[in-house]
Protein backbone atom coordinates (compact mmCIF):
# COMPACT_ATOMS: atom_id res chain seq x y z
CA MET A 1 3.40 21.28 28.33
CA ILE A 2 6.35 18.83 28.56
CA THR A 3 5.50 15.59 27.03
CA THR A 4 5.74 12.21 29.08
CA PRO A 5 6.36 8.69 28.40
CA GLU A 6 2.27 8.30 28.70
CA ASP A 7 1.99 10.36 25.56
CA PHE A 8 3.23 7.14 23.29
CA SER A 9 0.85 4.63 24.90
CA GLU A 10 -1.22 5.17 21.77
CA ARG A 11 -0.45 5.98 17.94
CA LEU A 12 -1.63 8.68 16.17
CA SER A 13 -3.39 7.76 13.09
CA ILE A 14 -2.00 9.24 9.82
CA GLY A 15 -5.57 9.21 7.56
CA VAL A 16 -3.98 7.48 5.24
CA GLN A 17 -5.24 3.53 4.29
CA GLY A 18 -2.30 1.25 4.87
CA LEU A 19 0.35 3.79 6.11
CA ASP A 20 -0.83 3.34 9.24
CA ASP A 21 0.19 -0.15 8.71
CA VAL A 22 3.42 0.33 7.76
CA LEU A 23 4.01 2.52 10.92
CA SER A 24 2.45 -0.46 13.21
CA GLY A 25 -0.22 1.73 14.21
CA GLY A 26 0.66 5.35 13.30
CA LEU A 27 3.04 8.15 14.64
CA ASN A 28 4.16 8.74 18.03
CA PRO A 29 2.20 11.89 18.88
CA ASN A 30 3.46 15.47 19.85
CA ARG A 31 6.64 14.53 17.93
CA ILE A 32 7.60 16.06 14.93
CA TYR A 33 8.12 14.35 11.39
CA LEU A 34 9.50 15.00 8.00
CA LEU A 35 7.51 14.43 4.89
CA GLU A 36 9.63 14.84 1.81
CA GLY A 37 9.45 14.11 -1.88
CA ALA A 38 9.42 15.71 -5.38
CA PRO A 39 7.03 17.72 -6.75
CA GLY A 40 3.94 15.55 -8.16
CA THR A 41 4.65 12.56 -5.06
CA GLY A 42 1.60 13.02 -3.38
CA LYS A 43 2.97 15.39 -0.19
CA THR A 44 -0.01 17.76 -0.20
CA THR A 45 -2.58 14.93 -0.50
CA LEU A 46 -1.41 13.48 2.67
CA ALA A 47 -0.77 16.13 4.42
CA LEU A 48 -4.44 17.13 3.60
CA GLN A 49 -5.64 13.26 5.01
CA PHE A 50 -3.49 14.01 7.96
CA MET A 51 -5.29 17.50 8.94
CA LEU A 52 -8.88 15.65 7.95
CA GLU A 53 -8.16 12.48 10.14
CA GLY A 54 -7.49 14.77 13.12
CA ALA A 55 -10.79 17.01 12.34
CA ARG A 56 -12.88 14.00 12.18
CA ILE A 57 -11.72 12.92 15.48
CA GLY A 58 -12.36 16.50 17.01
CA GLU A 59 -8.77 17.77 17.21
CA LYS A 60 -7.54 21.30 16.14
CA CYS A 61 -5.86 21.23 13.00
CA LEU A 62 -3.20 24.11 11.85
CA TYR A 63 -2.11 24.28 8.01
CA ILE A 64 0.30 26.63 6.72
CA THR A 65 1.19 26.93 3.72
CA LEU A 66 4.05 28.99 2.30
CA SER A 67 3.99 27.71 -1.38
CA GLU A 68 0.25 27.53 -2.22
CA THR A 69 -2.99 29.29 -1.74
CA ALA A 70 -5.77 28.20 0.39
CA GLU A 71 -8.45 28.54 -2.92
CA GLU A 72 -5.70 26.04 -4.48
CA LEU A 73 -5.49 23.70 -1.40
CA ASN A 74 -9.44 23.85 -0.98
CA SER A 75 -9.60 22.76 -5.21
CA VAL A 76 -7.11 19.48 -4.43
CA ALA A 77 -9.31 18.64 -1.64
CA ARG A 78 -12.96 19.32 -3.71
CA SER A 79 -11.34 17.19 -6.06
CA HIS A 80 -11.31 13.79 -3.80
CA GLY A 81 -14.64 14.86 -2.47
CA TRP A 82 -13.61 16.41 0.76
CA SER A 83 -14.31 19.31 2.79
CA LEU A 84 -11.62 21.62 4.71
CA ASP A 85 -13.97 23.35 6.80
CA GLY A 86 -12.57 21.41 9.92
CA VAL A 87 -9.09 22.79 8.94
CA THR A 88 -7.89 26.37 9.90
CA ILE A 89 -5.41 27.59 6.75
CA PHE A 90 -2.87 29.80 8.01
CA GLU A 91 -1.26 31.10 4.37
CA LEU A 92 1.47 33.46 3.44
CA THR A 93 1.38 34.35 -0.17
CA PRO A 94 1.20 37.01 -2.27
CA PRO A 95 -1.40 39.99 -1.76
CA GLU A 96 -2.79 39.77 -5.27
CA ALA A 97 -3.83 36.04 -4.87
CA ASN A 98 -6.03 37.18 -1.88
CA PHE A 99 -9.18 34.94 -3.48
CA ALA A 100 -11.42 35.32 -0.57
CA ALA A 101 -9.70 36.51 2.54
CA ASP A 102 -11.42 35.84 5.88
CA GLN A 103 -10.24 35.72 9.54
CA TYR A 104 -8.91 32.38 8.76
CA TYR A 105 -6.08 33.26 6.41
CA THR A 106 -3.22 36.03 6.55
CA LEU A 107 -1.99 37.32 3.67
CA LEU A 108 2.10 37.87 3.46
CA HIS A 109 5.09 37.57 1.28
CA PRO A 110 7.51 35.66 2.69
CA SER A 111 10.40 37.41 0.47
CA GLU A 112 8.89 40.78 1.95
CA VAL A 113 9.70 40.14 5.39
CA GLU A 114 12.45 38.62 7.47
CA LEU A 115 12.77 34.93 8.02
CA SER A 116 13.06 35.32 11.76
CA GLU A 117 9.80 37.70 11.47
CA THR A 118 8.27 34.79 9.07
CA ILE A 119 9.34 32.23 11.89
CA LYS A 120 7.79 34.81 14.54
CA LEU A 121 4.42 34.84 12.73
CA ILE A 122 3.93 30.97 12.41
CA LEU A 123 4.82 31.05 16.28
CA ASP A 124 2.04 33.28 17.34
CA ARG A 125 -0.42 31.77 15.09
CA ILE A 126 0.48 28.12 16.82
CA GLU A 127 0.30 30.17 19.68
CA GLU A 128 -3.02 31.72 19.50
CA LEU A 129 -4.70 28.32 17.85
CA GLN A 130 -3.00 25.99 20.29
CA PRO A 131 -3.54 22.91 17.63
CA ASP A 132 -3.27 19.35 18.14
CA ARG A 133 -1.87 18.53 14.38
CA VAL A 134 0.21 21.01 12.31
CA ALA A 135 1.40 20.56 8.55
CA PHE A 136 3.87 23.10 7.43
CA ASP A 137 3.92 23.71 3.44
CA SER A 138 6.80 24.19 2.74
CA LEU A 139 10.24 23.94 4.51
CA ALA A 140 11.89 24.96 0.74
CA GLU A 141 10.56 28.40 1.48
CA ILE A 142 12.52 28.86 4.96
CA ARG A 143 15.65 27.50 2.94
CA LEU A 144 15.13 30.15 0.55
CA LEU A 145 14.95 32.74 2.94
CA ALA A 146 17.46 31.71 5.32
CA GLN A 147 20.18 31.67 2.30
CA ASP A 148 22.79 30.25 4.66
CA PRO A 149 22.55 26.53 5.65
CA LEU A 150 23.42 27.02 9.14
CA ARG A 151 21.00 29.86 9.63
CA TYR A 152 18.38 27.31 8.00
CA ARG A 153 19.13 24.09 10.41
CA ARG A 154 19.27 26.72 13.69
CA GLN A 155 15.53 27.85 11.93
CA VAL A 156 14.19 23.94 12.14
CA LEU A 157 16.12 23.10 15.09
CA ALA A 158 13.99 26.07 16.78
CA LEU A 159 11.04 24.67 15.35
CA LYS A 160 11.35 21.57 17.05
CA GLN A 161 11.94 22.95 20.51
CA PHE A 162 9.25 25.22 20.23
CA PHE A 163 6.98 21.92 19.22
CA ALA A 164 8.90 20.00 21.90
CA GLY A 165 6.79 21.89 24.79
CA ARG A 166 3.27 21.58 23.40
CA ARG A 167 0.99 18.76 22.36
CA SER A 168 1.12 19.29 18.81
CA THR A 169 1.86 16.41 16.13
CA ALA A 170 3.82 18.50 13.09
CA LEU A 171 4.58 17.37 9.70
CA LEU A 172 6.99 19.40 8.17
CA LEU A 173 6.91 19.08 3.80
CA ASP A 174 9.76 19.53 1.74
CA ASP A 175 9.67 19.08 -2.17
CA LEU A 176 13.56 18.61 -2.54
CA THR A 177 14.10 21.28 -4.97
CA SER A 178 17.25 22.19 -3.46
CA ARG A 179 19.25 18.76 -3.47
CA SER A 180 22.19 20.46 -1.53
CA HIS A 181 20.64 20.86 1.76
CA GLU A 182 17.92 17.85 2.11
CA LEU A 183 19.76 15.83 4.53
CA GLN A 184 20.06 18.15 7.19
CA VAL A 185 16.65 18.21 8.65
CA HIS A 186 16.85 14.13 9.06
CA SER A 187 18.75 14.04 11.92
CA ILE A 188 16.60 16.72 14.02
CA THR A 189 13.24 15.54 13.20
CA HIS A 190 11.65 12.52 15.10
CA GLY A 191 10.67 10.37 11.56
CA VAL A 192 11.00 10.82 7.98
CA ILE A 193 8.57 9.52 5.36
CA VAL A 194 9.50 9.93 1.51
CA LEU A 195 7.70 9.77 -1.50
CA GLU A 196 9.12 8.76 -4.70
CA ARG A 197 7.35 8.96 -8.33
CA LEU A 198 8.65 6.30 -10.85
CA VAL A 199 8.03 6.99 -14.75
CA ARG A 200 8.45 4.01 -16.93
CA GLU A 201 8.71 3.73 -20.62
CA TYR A 202 5.27 2.52 -20.95
CA GLY A 203 1.99 2.45 -18.83
CA ALA A 204 1.07 4.73 -15.75
CA GLU A 205 3.71 6.26 -13.20
CA ARG A 206 4.26 4.67 -10.02
CA ARG A 207 4.38 6.07 -6.36
CA ARG A 208 5.86 4.29 -3.56
CA ILE A 209 6.87 5.20 -0.09
CA GLN A 210 9.67 4.43 2.51
CA ILE A 211 10.00 5.30 6.20
CA THR A 212 13.73 5.84 6.38
CA LYS A 213 13.38 7.04 10.03
CA MET A 214 11.20 6.52 13.18
CA ARG A 215 12.38 7.11 16.43
CA GLY A 216 11.11 4.70 19.60
CA ALA A 217 8.66 2.76 16.98
CA ASN A 218 8.74 -0.28 15.05
CA PHE A 219 7.83 0.50 11.12
CA ARG A 220 7.77 -2.16 8.14
CA GLY A 221 11.08 -1.20 6.44
CA GLY A 222 11.43 -1.21 2.51
CA TYR A 223 9.55 0.12 -0.52
CA HIS A 224 5.43 0.10 -0.60
CA ASP A 225 3.69 1.05 -3.72
CA VAL A 226 1.29 3.74 -3.61
CA VAL A 227 -1.45 4.98 -5.59
CA ILE A 228 -3.30 8.52 -5.80
CA SER A 229 -6.82 8.58 -7.02
CA LYS A 230 -10.17 9.95 -5.98
CA GLY A 231 -10.46 9.82 -2.48
CA GLY A 232 -6.81 10.49 -1.71
CA LEU A 233 -3.54 8.60 -1.31
CA SER A 234 -3.16 4.69 -0.77
CA VAL A 235 -0.47 2.83 0.22
CA PHE A 236 -0.39 -1.13 -0.32
CA PRO A 237 2.14 -2.67 2.45
CA ARG A 238 4.05 -5.32 1.59
CA ILE A 239 3.01 -8.51 2.51
CA ALA A 240 3.49 -9.41 6.26
CA ILE A 241 3.66 -13.01 7.00
CA ASP A 242 3.21 -14.78 9.94
CA ASP A 243 3.69 -18.32 11.59
CA SER A 244 0.11 -19.09 11.90
CA ALA A 245 -1.37 -21.97 9.35
CA GLY A 246 -4.77 -22.45 7.94
CA SER A 247 -6.85 -24.31 9.18
CA LEU A 248 -7.29 -26.71 5.77
CA SER A 249 -3.70 -26.86 5.34
CA GLY A 250 -2.27 -30.33 5.04
CA GLN A 251 -5.22 -31.86 3.58
CA MET A 252 -5.65 -32.96 -0.16
CA ALA A 253 -7.24 -31.20 -2.91
CA SER A 254 -8.73 -32.90 -6.00
CA SER A 255 -8.41 -31.37 -9.14
CA GLY A 256 -12.25 -33.79 -10.23
CA VAL A 257 -9.88 -35.59 -12.83
CA PRO A 258 -9.35 -39.17 -10.92
CA ALA A 259 -6.35 -39.65 -13.58
CA LEU A 260 -4.84 -36.58 -13.48
CA ASP A 261 -4.69 -36.98 -9.22
CA ALA A 262 -3.31 -40.17 -9.47
CA LEU A 263 -0.39 -38.49 -11.63
CA LEU A 264 0.10 -36.25 -9.00
CA GLY A 265 -0.05 -38.92 -6.34
CA ASP A 266 -3.77 -38.47 -4.98
CA GLY A 267 -3.98 -34.82 -5.93
CA VAL A 268 -2.12 -31.70 -4.26
CA HIS A 269 -2.02 -30.59 -0.94
CA ARG A 270 -3.74 -27.35 0.51
CA GLY A 271 -1.33 -24.65 1.58
CA THR A 272 0.89 -25.34 -0.87
CA SER A 273 1.49 -23.57 -4.74
CA MET A 274 1.89 -25.65 -8.20
CA LEU A 275 3.25 -24.27 -11.18
CA LEU A 276 1.83 -24.79 -14.90
CA VAL A 277 4.53 -24.24 -17.40
CA GLY A 278 4.46 -25.26 -20.90
CA PRO A 279 4.15 -23.43 -24.51
CA ALA A 280 1.12 -21.10 -25.20
CA GLY A 281 -2.29 -23.20 -25.65
CA ALA A 282 -0.93 -26.50 -24.32
CA GLY A 283 -3.91 -26.17 -21.63
CA LYS A 284 -2.24 -24.30 -18.81
CA SER A 285 -4.97 -22.22 -18.08
CA SER A 286 -7.61 -24.76 -18.88
CA LEU A 287 -6.23 -27.01 -16.07
CA SER A 288 -6.09 -23.95 -13.83
CA THR A 289 -9.55 -23.33 -14.57
CA GLN A 290 -10.35 -27.23 -13.38
CA TYR A 291 -9.16 -26.97 -10.13
CA ALA A 292 -10.63 -23.86 -9.21
CA LEU A 293 -14.05 -25.57 -10.59
CA ALA A 294 -13.58 -28.73 -8.50
CA ALA A 295 -13.19 -26.61 -5.77
CA LEU A 296 -15.85 -24.27 -5.95
CA GLU A 297 -18.30 -27.72 -6.27
CA ARG A 298 -16.81 -28.36 -3.22
CA GLY A 299 -18.32 -25.68 -1.85
CA GLU A 300 -15.01 -23.47 -1.54
CA THR A 301 -14.03 -20.34 -3.07
CA ALA A 302 -12.41 -19.74 -6.23
CA ALA A 303 -10.14 -16.32 -7.35
CA ILE A 304 -8.76 -16.28 -10.71
CA TYR A 305 -6.78 -13.10 -11.88
CA THR A 306 -6.23 -12.91 -15.28
CA PHE A 307 -3.49 -10.85 -16.98
CA ASP A 308 -4.02 -12.52 -20.71
CA GLU A 309 -7.96 -12.54 -21.61
CA SER A 310 -11.02 -10.94 -20.78
CA ARG A 311 -13.91 -12.13 -18.33
CA SER A 312 -16.41 -13.30 -20.49
CA THR A 313 -13.38 -15.15 -23.10
CA LEU A 314 -12.34 -16.93 -20.38
CA ILE A 315 -16.36 -17.91 -19.33
CA GLU A 316 -16.90 -18.73 -22.80
CA ARG A 317 -13.55 -20.68 -23.18
CA SER A 318 -14.64 -22.71 -20.32
CA LYS A 319 -17.67 -23.56 -21.22
CA GLY A 320 -16.37 -24.97 -24.48
CA LEU A 321 -14.66 -27.56 -22.49
CA GLY A 322 -17.67 -28.79 -20.19
CA MET A 323 -16.55 -26.29 -17.17
CA ASN A 324 -19.82 -24.04 -16.58
CA LEU A 325 -18.46 -21.10 -14.37
CA GLU A 326 -21.59 -18.86 -14.84
CA PRO A 327 -23.27 -20.06 -11.49
CA HIS A 328 -20.72 -19.70 -9.08
CA PHE A 329 -19.61 -16.65 -10.60
CA ALA A 330 -23.20 -15.07 -10.44
CA SER A 331 -23.42 -16.43 -6.62
CA GLY A 332 -20.14 -14.56 -5.89
CA ARG A 333 -17.91 -17.24 -4.80
CA LEU A 334 -15.87 -17.38 -7.99
CA ILE A 335 -13.99 -13.99 -8.93
CA ILE A 336 -12.71 -13.55 -12.07
CA GLU A 337 -10.64 -10.31 -12.38
CA GLY A 338 -8.83 -8.94 -15.63
CA VAL A 339 -5.46 -7.37 -14.67
CA ASN A 340 -3.95 -4.65 -16.83
CA ALA A 341 -0.13 -5.07 -15.84
CA ALA A 342 0.36 -1.82 -17.59
CA GLU A 343 -1.71 0.62 -14.92
CA LEU A 344 -1.83 -2.05 -11.49
CA SER A 345 1.12 -1.78 -9.21
CA PRO A 346 2.60 -5.26 -8.23
CA GLY A 347 1.72 -4.11 -4.48
CA GLN A 348 -1.77 -3.11 -4.94
CA PHE A 349 -2.47 -6.65 -6.81
CA ALA A 350 -1.01 -8.56 -4.15
CA HIS A 351 -2.84 -5.94 -1.70
CA ARG A 352 -6.33 -7.58 -3.63
CA VAL A 353 -5.27 -11.09 -3.34
CA ARG A 354 -4.62 -10.79 -0.06
CA GLU A 355 -7.83 -8.91 0.58
CA ARG A 356 -9.63 -11.65 -1.27
CA VAL A 357 -7.95 -14.64 0.89
CA ASP A 358 -8.92 -12.67 4.04
CA GLN A 359 -12.29 -12.93 3.07
CA ASP A 360 -12.59 -16.67 3.19
CA PRO A 361 -9.70 -18.72 2.84
CA ARG A 362 -10.80 -21.78 1.57
CA GLY A 363 -10.09 -22.97 -2.14
CA VAL A 364 -8.02 -21.69 -5.01
CA VAL A 365 -6.22 -18.83 -6.10
CA VAL A 366 -5.01 -18.53 -10.03
CA ILE A 367 -2.29 -15.94 -11.36
CA ASP A 368 -2.71 -16.64 -15.29
CA SER A 369 -0.27 -15.69 -16.08
CA MET A 370 3.23 -14.65 -14.80
CA ASN A 371 4.71 -13.89 -17.96
CA SER A 372 2.48 -10.74 -18.14
CA TYR A 373 2.96 -10.22 -14.13
CA MET A 374 6.39 -9.89 -14.75
CA ASN A 375 5.77 -7.06 -17.00
CA ALA A 376 4.52 -5.05 -14.20
CA MET A 377 8.01 -5.14 -12.25
CA PRO A 378 11.06 -3.33 -12.68
CA ALA A 379 13.19 -6.22 -12.60
CA GLU A 380 13.28 -10.07 -12.54
CA GLN A 381 14.59 -10.38 -9.29
CA PHE A 382 11.72 -7.90 -7.57
CA LEU A 383 9.55 -10.38 -9.14
CA VAL A 384 11.04 -13.82 -7.32
CA LEU A 385 11.13 -11.77 -4.19
CA GLN A 386 7.51 -10.46 -4.12
CA MET A 387 5.94 -13.63 -5.26
CA HIS A 388 8.01 -15.37 -2.50
CA GLU A 389 5.95 -12.96 -0.26
CA LEU A 390 2.61 -13.64 -1.88
CA LEU A 391 2.87 -17.56 -2.22
CA ALA A 392 4.04 -17.57 1.46
CA TYR A 393 1.34 -15.44 2.79
CA LEU A 394 -1.46 -18.00 0.72
CA ASN A 395 0.39 -21.00 1.72
CA ARG A 396 0.18 -20.10 5.46
CA LYS A 397 -3.47 -19.30 4.73
CA GLY A 398 -4.28 -23.17 3.59
CA MET A 399 -4.69 -21.95 -0.02
CA LEU A 400 -4.34 -24.21 -2.84
CA SER A 401 -1.89 -21.22 -5.21
CA ILE A 402 -1.56 -22.14 -8.77
CA LEU A 403 0.59 -19.96 -10.93
CA VAL A 404 0.68 -20.05 -15.04
CA MET A 405 3.75 -19.34 -16.99
CA ALA A 406 4.01 -19.76 -20.92
CA GLN A 407 7.50 -20.92 -22.33
CA GLN A 408 9.10 -19.18 -25.30
CA GLY A 409 8.70 -21.53 -28.24
CA LEU A 410 6.32 -24.66 -29.10
CA VAL A 411 8.72 -27.87 -30.10
CA GLY A 412 11.93 -28.69 -29.06
CA GLN A 413 14.11 -26.68 -27.02
CA MET A 414 11.89 -24.43 -24.48
CA GLN A 415 12.62 -21.08 -22.04
CA SER A 416 10.94 -19.79 -19.67
CA PRO A 417 11.54 -16.12 -19.08
CA VAL A 418 12.05 -16.09 -15.19
CA ASP A 419 12.91 -19.72 -13.16
CA LEU A 420 9.96 -19.73 -10.30
CA SER A 421 10.16 -23.62 -10.28
CA TYR A 422 12.34 -23.27 -6.62
CA LEU A 423 9.30 -21.28 -5.27
CA THR A 424 6.67 -23.42 -5.80
CA ASP A 425 5.99 -26.63 -4.36
CA THR A 426 4.71 -28.41 -7.29
CA VAL A 427 5.55 -28.12 -11.05
CA VAL A 428 3.47 -29.49 -13.90
CA LEU A 429 4.92 -29.66 -17.57
CA LEU A 430 3.06 -29.49 -20.67
CA ARG A 431 4.43 -30.36 -23.91
CA TYR A 432 3.33 -30.78 -27.56
CA PHE A 433 4.74 -34.38 -29.36
CA GLU A 434 4.41 -35.19 -32.76
CA PHE A 435 2.95 -38.51 -33.50
CA ARG A 436 1.95 -39.68 -36.84
CA GLY A 437 1.53 -36.22 -38.74
CA ALA A 438 -0.78 -34.95 -36.05
CA VAL A 439 0.08 -32.75 -32.68
CA LYS A 440 -0.63 -34.04 -29.43
CA LYS A 441 -0.05 -32.65 -25.78
CA ALA A 442 1.91 -34.58 -22.95
CA ILE A 443 1.67 -34.00 -19.24
CA SER A 444 4.19 -34.93 -16.44
CA VAL A 445 4.74 -33.84 -12.96
CA ILE A 446 8.53 -32.84 -12.40
CA LYS A 447 8.81 -32.04 -8.81
CA LYS A 448 6.12 -32.18 -5.94
CA ARG A 449 7.60 -31.58 -2.26
CA SER A 450 4.85 -32.53 -0.27
CA GLY A 451 4.78 -36.46 -0.95
CA VAL A 452 5.29 -38.78 -4.20
CA HIS A 453 4.17 -38.66 -7.53
CA GLU A 454 3.86 -40.73 -10.81
CA GLU A 455 7.46 -40.24 -12.85
CA THR A 456 5.56 -41.27 -16.07
CA ILE A 457 4.61 -38.96 -18.78
CA ARG A 458 0.97 -39.21 -19.85
CA GLU A 459 -0.80 -37.92 -23.27
CA PHE A 460 -3.17 -34.76 -22.41
CA ARG A 461 -6.26 -34.28 -24.32
CA LEU A 462 -8.72 -31.23 -23.91
CA SER A 463 -12.46 -31.50 -25.60
CA PRO A 464 -15.98 -30.47 -25.03
CA ASN A 465 -16.06 -33.08 -22.41
CA GLY A 466 -13.42 -31.35 -20.83
CA ILE A 467 -10.03 -32.52 -19.42
CA THR A 468 -8.62 -36.21 -20.59
CA VAL A 469 -5.42 -37.58 -19.01
CA GLY A 470 -4.49 -40.96 -20.74
CA PRO A 471 -2.35 -43.44 -19.93
CA ALA A 472 1.76 -43.31 -19.70
CA LEU A 473 3.44 -43.00 -22.86
CA THR A 474 5.44 -46.22 -22.25
CA SER A 475 5.81 -46.75 -26.26
CA PHE A 476 7.67 -43.67 -26.64
CA GLN A 477 11.14 -42.42 -26.49
CA GLY A 478 12.17 -38.45 -25.99
CA VAL A 479 8.64 -36.81 -25.63
CA LEU A 480 10.25 -34.02 -24.38
CA THR A 481 12.21 -33.39 -27.05
CA GLY A 482 8.91 -32.70 -29.14
CA VAL A 483 10.09 -35.11 -31.81
CA PRO A 484 9.41 -38.67 -29.86
CA THR A 485 10.53 -41.83 -31.57
CA TYR A 486 7.99 -44.52 -31.49
CA THR A 487 8.20 -48.11 -30.25
CA GLY A 488 4.73 -49.22 -30.21
CA GLY A 489 2.02 -50.85 -32.45
CA LEU A 490 -0.34 -49.14 -34.14
CA ASP A 491 -3.47 -48.54 -31.75
CA PRO A 492 -4.37 -45.05 -30.74
CA LEU A 493 -3.14 -43.50 -28.55
CA LEU A 494 -6.23 -42.43 -26.32
CA SER A 495 -9.53 -44.04 -27.53
CA LYS A 496 -13.18 -42.90 -27.02
CA GLU A 497 -13.75 -45.75 -24.30
CA GLY A 498 -10.40 -44.71 -22.84
CA GLU A 499 -11.14 -41.13 -22.56
CA LEU A 500 -14.03 -41.99 -20.72
CA ALA A 501 -12.59 -44.24 -18.55
CA GLN A 502 -9.42 -42.08 -17.49
CA ARG A 503 -11.22 -38.87 -17.08
């Protein structure tokens, strides 16, 4: 039967979480597609998921294998908790590999027959079964039998013409073991899906997927992170940003510390992002936790993604500063998730954040810290681009996003590992300074796009009573250098009475 334009009214799910989103709903049915990648990238796993999705909805599925035995395919399926009972396997392997031959398995050796005879056996099996979905694993065997690039191309073209008259969607696998002719099939197939595996100097390997071609269909371009775990292959699409704004966007979000809100011009706006930057130990994490606690006390939600400390450490540290997070964590409104930058891919992390926000887009998201997050990225420019997408998404959802970044050094000249100040709407700077033989902390607002803010530098203190922001340090010159000149009297900077009054 010849396909008609009506066949494209619905997309065909490929059965892989996230990949249908990248493909804007799935594949156009009744066409032939190329799935290519080096060994170990997940081609067989993806093809099996394509088969199982078809079997799940009652379609006839045929898996043609020239490179693996049926037992090997079933072993892969069992490792993911699957059963291939609904999938017909047509096996062309050496006779000595006959583990459990039955009516569904045909045993031949590709090298013992002519290419045309091998193709004829495959086409006869397809004619007999009339499958809705076909997976062909792999083209490398056909290329070896063809031995000639022109003959190989003609055979693949013959396959395409064969499928053109049938209501079958075919997925051709190619392992790229021969790098000289891999582009020949691209112009013949309807679409091309490429899987890649990247090995880093340290940490787990990374996988990614790219759609390089898809005729007559929209798709999300670029690379998307891939993870293979028990249950199959998962794709984490790059974040798509729409123009819709959250219902709370533009409203003020208080920190719960009046003096801090005053420094920021009565607070920060929802639907904006804030960068807390300063040396290690200056109070950046505690300040971000204060914003999360304030949101929770207003009945909203909060999510803290920490790269540098465990959940129990964060809860205990916060409790020592008068911030009790345990009731909110027990209620489920507070999420504290430890992130291992060596194992979790950036795309997978962004997907987790998006899922959490989609469940309840009210409150605060904290990423602590950007230094460790940057270690998960292959290069600095990619960190900036992905963070731009993530912040834009959170802003449109009406969330308050707080990023924590540690500067290199303690006093004097400071340097940031990457400049994110232009991406965020508000930048708060924390610094150490020396005063009469003691180390003090100072806080100031460097930037705020969504309104006015104080231009003063205030003392910042952490105590069992919580966060305290003191009056402006008007009697100092050069606080941001770390060793200021004091021009005032002998009174203390922040008295006990002042702490209670300013908190």
